Structures are given as C-alpha cells and as structure tokens.
Protein backbone atom coordinates (compact mmCIF):
# COMPACT_ATOMS: atom_id res chain seq x y z
CA MET A 1 -2.28 -1.13 17.97
CA PRO A 2 1.83 -2.31 18.63
CA CYS A 3 3.97 0.80 18.31
CA TYR A 4 7.51 0.58 19.66
CA GLU A 5 9.83 3.38 20.44
CA ILE A 6 13.35 2.69 20.06
CA ASP A 7 16.46 4.70 21.11
CA GLY A 8 13.70 7.44 22.07
CA VAL A 9 12.27 7.78 18.58
CA ARG A 10 8.64 6.74 18.17
CA PRO A 11 6.14 6.42 15.29
CA VAL A 12 4.06 9.48 14.21
CA ILE A 13 0.60 8.72 12.90
CA HIS A 14 -1.90 11.42 11.63
CA PRO A 15 -5.15 11.64 13.51
CA THR A 16 -7.03 11.07 10.03
CA ALA A 17 -5.04 7.89 9.15
CA PHE A 18 -6.25 4.39 9.87
CA VAL A 19 -3.75 1.86 11.34
CA HIS A 20 -5.00 -1.40 12.28
CA PRO A 21 -4.57 -2.69 15.68
CA ASP A 22 -2.56 -5.69 14.32
CA ALA A 23 -0.20 -3.89 12.35
CA VAL A 24 3.47 -3.17 14.04
CA LEU A 25 4.99 0.16 13.84
CA ILE A 26 8.62 0.45 15.11
CA GLY A 27 10.69 3.58 15.56
CA ASP A 28 11.21 6.18 12.91
CA VAL A 29 7.89 5.84 11.00
CA PHE A 30 5.56 8.45 9.76
CA VAL A 31 1.96 7.69 8.65
CA GLY A 32 0.34 10.88 6.88
CA PRO A 33 -3.37 12.10 6.50
CA GLY A 34 -5.85 9.63 5.30
CA CYS A 35 -3.62 6.74 5.22
CA TYR A 36 -4.66 3.20 5.57
CA VAL A 37 -2.35 0.52 7.03
CA ALA A 38 -3.68 -3.03 7.19
CA PRO A 39 -3.38 -5.86 9.53
CA GLN A 40 -0.22 -7.93 9.77
CA THR A 41 1.75 -4.96 8.23
CA SER A 42 5.17 -4.42 9.68
CA LEU A 43 6.62 -0.96 9.40
CA ARG A 44 9.99 -1.05 10.91
CA GLY A 45 11.94 1.82 11.24
CA ASP A 46 14.50 0.80 13.55
CA PHE A 47 17.42 1.34 10.56
CA GLY A 48 15.85 3.90 8.19
CA ARG A 49 12.93 6.32 8.11
CA ILE A 50 9.73 5.05 6.75
CA VAL A 51 7.22 7.60 5.32
CA LEU A 52 3.73 7.08 4.09
CA GLU A 53 2.53 10.18 2.30
CA GLU A 54 -0.93 11.41 2.34
CA GLY A 55 -3.71 9.04 1.20
CA SER A 56 -1.39 6.04 0.56
CA ASN A 57 -2.24 2.48 1.64
CA VAL A 58 -0.22 -0.42 2.68
CA GLN A 59 -2.12 -3.54 2.47
CA ASP A 60 -2.03 -6.98 4.73
CA ALA A 61 1.10 -8.56 5.23
CA CYS A 62 3.54 -6.03 3.77
CA VAL A 63 6.88 -5.19 5.07
CA LEU A 64 8.71 -1.82 4.88
CA HIS A 65 12.03 -1.62 6.21
CA GLY A 66 15.55 0.21 5.03
CA PHE A 67 18.93 1.01 5.81
CA PRO A 68 20.22 4.11 7.91
CA GLU A 69 20.14 7.49 6.20
CA ILE A 70 18.02 5.94 3.46
CA ASP A 71 14.26 6.64 3.54
CA THR A 72 11.67 4.23 2.39
CA VAL A 73 9.00 6.47 0.87
CA VAL A 74 5.41 5.65 -0.32
CA GLU A 75 4.46 9.20 -1.87
CA GLN A 76 0.91 10.54 -2.05
CA ASN A 77 -1.94 8.04 -2.92
CA GLY A 78 0.74 5.32 -3.35
CA HIS A 79 -0.94 1.83 -3.28
CA ILE A 80 0.92 -1.30 -1.98
CA GLY A 81 -0.59 -4.26 -2.57
CA HIS A 82 -0.97 -7.60 -0.24
CA ALA A 83 2.38 -9.10 0.91
CA ALA A 84 4.72 -6.78 -0.95
CA VAL A 85 8.21 -5.65 0.33
CA LEU A 86 9.69 -2.29 0.09
CA HIS A 87 13.35 -2.00 1.15
CA ALA A 88 15.04 1.42 1.24
CA CYS A 89 13.11 2.52 -1.86
CA ARG A 90 10.92 5.25 -3.24
CA VAL A 91 7.37 4.78 -4.67
CA GLY A 92 6.23 7.69 -6.75
CA ARG A 93 3.03 9.47 -6.50
CA ASN A 94 0.02 7.32 -7.30
CA ALA A 95 2.05 4.41 -8.22
CA LEU A 96 0.82 0.94 -7.53
CA ILE A 97 3.08 -2.15 -6.21
CA GLY A 98 1.32 -5.44 -6.76
CA MET A 99 0.60 -8.25 -4.47
CA ASN A 100 3.82 -10.11 -3.57
CA ALA A 101 5.96 -7.86 -5.47
CA VAL A 102 9.52 -6.78 -4.04
CA VAL A 103 10.99 -3.43 -4.55
CA MET A 104 14.90 -3.23 -3.43
CA ASP A 105 17.29 -0.85 -2.31
CA TYR A 106 17.57 2.68 -4.14
CA ALA A 107 14.86 1.70 -6.69
CA GLU A 108 12.45 4.38 -7.72
CA ILE A 109 9.09 3.75 -9.16
CA GLY A 110 7.89 6.47 -11.26
CA GLU A 111 4.55 8.68 -10.60
CA GLY A 112 1.49 6.54 -11.88
CA SER A 113 3.40 3.39 -12.55
CA ILE A 114 2.10 0.01 -11.86
CA VAL A 115 4.50 -2.77 -10.83
CA ALA A 116 2.93 -6.12 -11.67
CA ALA A 117 2.24 -9.00 -9.01
CA CYS A 118 4.94 -11.00 -7.85
CA ALA A 119 7.54 -8.94 -9.87
CA PHE A 120 11.24 -8.23 -8.46
CA VAL A 121 12.44 -4.70 -8.89
CA LYS A 122 16.20 -4.82 -8.47
CA ALA A 123 18.29 -2.43 -6.57
CA GLU A 124 18.88 0.97 -8.06
CA MET A 125 16.24 0.41 -10.91
CA LYS A 126 14.69 3.69 -12.28
CA VAL A 127 11.03 3.31 -13.36
CA PRO A 128 9.75 6.06 -15.53
CA PRO A 129 6.38 7.54 -14.97
CA GLY A 130 3.20 5.88 -16.19
CA MET A 131 4.69 2.43 -17.08
CA LEU A 132 3.66 -1.14 -16.54
CA VAL A 133 6.72 -3.01 -14.78
CA ALA A 134 6.59 -6.99 -14.63
CA GLY A 135 8.82 -10.03 -14.29
CA VAL A 136 11.68 -11.64 -12.27
CA PRO A 137 13.70 -9.56 -12.69
CA ALA A 138 11.41 -6.82 -13.47
CA LYS A 139 11.58 -5.01 -16.89
CA VAL A 140 9.41 -1.79 -18.17
CA LEU A 141 7.08 -3.35 -20.64
CA ARG A 142 5.10 -0.51 -21.93
CA PRO A 143 3.22 2.71 -20.96
CA LEU A 144 -0.05 2.13 -19.16
CA THR A 145 -3.26 2.35 -20.99
CA ASP A 146 -5.90 5.11 -19.85
CA GLN A 147 -8.07 2.33 -18.54
CA GLU A 148 -5.34 1.00 -16.27
CA ARG A 149 -4.60 4.52 -14.79
CA ALA A 150 -8.30 4.85 -14.33
CA TRP A 151 -8.53 1.42 -12.43
CA LYS A 152 -5.64 2.34 -10.19
CA ILE A 153 -7.21 5.52 -9.08
CA VAL A 154 -10.46 3.85 -8.23
CA GLY A 155 -8.75 1.36 -6.12
CA THR A 156 -6.95 3.71 -4.29
CA GLU A 157 -10.19 6.03 -3.73
CA CYS A 158 -11.65 2.69 -2.40
CA TYR A 159 -9.00 2.49 0.20
CA HIS A 160 -9.22 6.15 1.12
CA ALA A 161 -12.92 5.39 1.99
CA LEU A 162 -12.01 2.34 3.68
CA ALA A 163 -9.67 4.16 6.07
CA ALA A 164 -12.78 6.58 7.09
CA ARG A 165 -15.08 3.50 7.45
CA SER A 166 -12.63 1.65 9.59
CA LEU A 167 -12.04 4.83 11.84
CA ALA A 168 -15.86 5.20 12.19
CA THR A 169 -17.06 1.59 12.57
CA LEU A 170 -14.35 -1.05 12.99
CA LYS A 171 -14.21 -2.60 16.39
CA PRO A 172 -13.65 -5.89 18.02
CA CYS A 173 -16.77 -8.33 18.23
CA GLU A 174 -17.72 -11.81 19.09
CA PRO A 175 -18.54 -13.89 16.04
CA LEU A 176 -22.06 -15.00 15.51
CA ARG A 177 -23.01 -18.63 16.01
CA GLU A 178 -24.80 -18.83 12.95
CA ALA A 179 -25.46 -16.56 10.06
CA ASP A 180 -28.55 -14.01 9.81
CA PRO A 181 -30.80 -15.22 7.14
CA GLU A 182 -31.02 -11.37 6.11
CA ARG A 183 -27.26 -10.86 6.26
CA ARG A 184 -26.42 -8.06 3.93
CA ARG A 185 -23.38 -7.99 1.41
CA PHE A 186 -21.27 -4.80 0.87
CA GLU A 187 -22.36 -3.17 -2.36
CA MET A 188 -19.29 -1.61 -3.94
CA PRO A 189 -19.94 -1.79 -7.65
CA ASP A 190 -16.81 0.11 -8.54
CA ILE A 191 -14.27 -2.32 -7.05
CA VAL A 192 -13.60 -4.98 -9.54
CA PRO A 193 -10.60 -6.97 -10.69
CA LEU A 194 -8.65 -5.25 -13.78
CA SER A 195 -9.72 -8.23 -15.88
CA GLU A 196 -13.45 -7.61 -15.18
CA ALA A 197 -13.03 -3.64 -15.84
CA ARG A 198 -11.58 -4.65 -19.30
CA ARG A 199 -14.71 -6.87 -19.99
CA ARG A 200 -17.26 -4.33 -18.98
CA ALA A 201 -15.30 -1.69 -21.32
CA GLY A 202 -16.01 -4.15 -24.12
C-alpha cells in the first residue's frame, strides 16, 4: 500500500488491521486492531495526527485530515461511510458518519450517534450521544430508535468480518473473460439497507 514517511514520521498499522493497497497513508497515522480501511481512502497525517481506534472502519474515497496539535480521531467501532470527510474532529465510540457527510474542525460526534448521508457538521458542533443528525448545516433531529442502533452495530460487525476476510483472501487477479454459469453470490442476509430492515420489522 502507499505509505509515506514525512519529516521522519511514518504510519503505524496494527497487524490485525486491513488497509487496502490502494489507500494512501501519510505521516502521523495510527490504524488500530481489527480496523478496515477501504480503497481510495486518504489518511493524511502531515499536519495533525489521525487515529483509528480498534474495530473502526473507513470506507472508499474518505478523506481524513487535520491541523497541527489537533487529533482527528475515530473511536472504537466508529463507522465512516463512503466519501465522507473528517477534518480535525472526533467521532465517538460506535458512532456512524453517513456517506458524503462532512465533519469539520473541533466537532465532536457523541457515542452511538448517526450523522446522516450528505450532512454538514459545522466546526465546534457537539452532538450528544445516541442522536440522529442531518441537514446542511446539520442539526440534531431526535434520539435514535432501538432499531437504528441495532442496524448500526450489525453494519459495523460486517466490516469487522470484512477486515478478516480481506486479510485472508483478498489478492490481485486477472479478470475472467466470461462469467462462470455456476458463479456464486455472497450470502449475507443480515446486511441490508435501513429501509429494508424497517420493512422486515413490520
């Protein structure tokens, strides 16, 4: 994977973490145990420190960056959706940042909260634990339901499993010229959109 040292500081990756070969890590970056870092993600620790705590995941095309002496932190089991941007902020334990959301300087997302897709969390906003946050600019809408909390936990556990699967089986390959008629699909009945989980709950 592209890892770069700058001014004598190089990234630290725990051996149980999976960082995709097409992610880019620069400088003062810590990737903790069991983390998953997806392709095209940029963890750029050339100004401030970036910390991914145990079991967190950062999905495709995310950007994490910050300022000197301000850590950008994703706490344990934090879940960062595709193409989100985190800048000099803190995402609390078991919180979720939705796809294409932006979380700005000194913002703090409370434990177990969910920031909706495409939300813009202003600098210095403090989100209490267990809340749903949405909008541009983002506002706290309401407490999360038990179903939303459970859905988030299942989704993060799937990324724990994906880190292990990727460490064990992901490798470069040549594409097939045509599909095998018996080609299997991945069977993962617990991984569904929240809207589908709500329908199933009736």
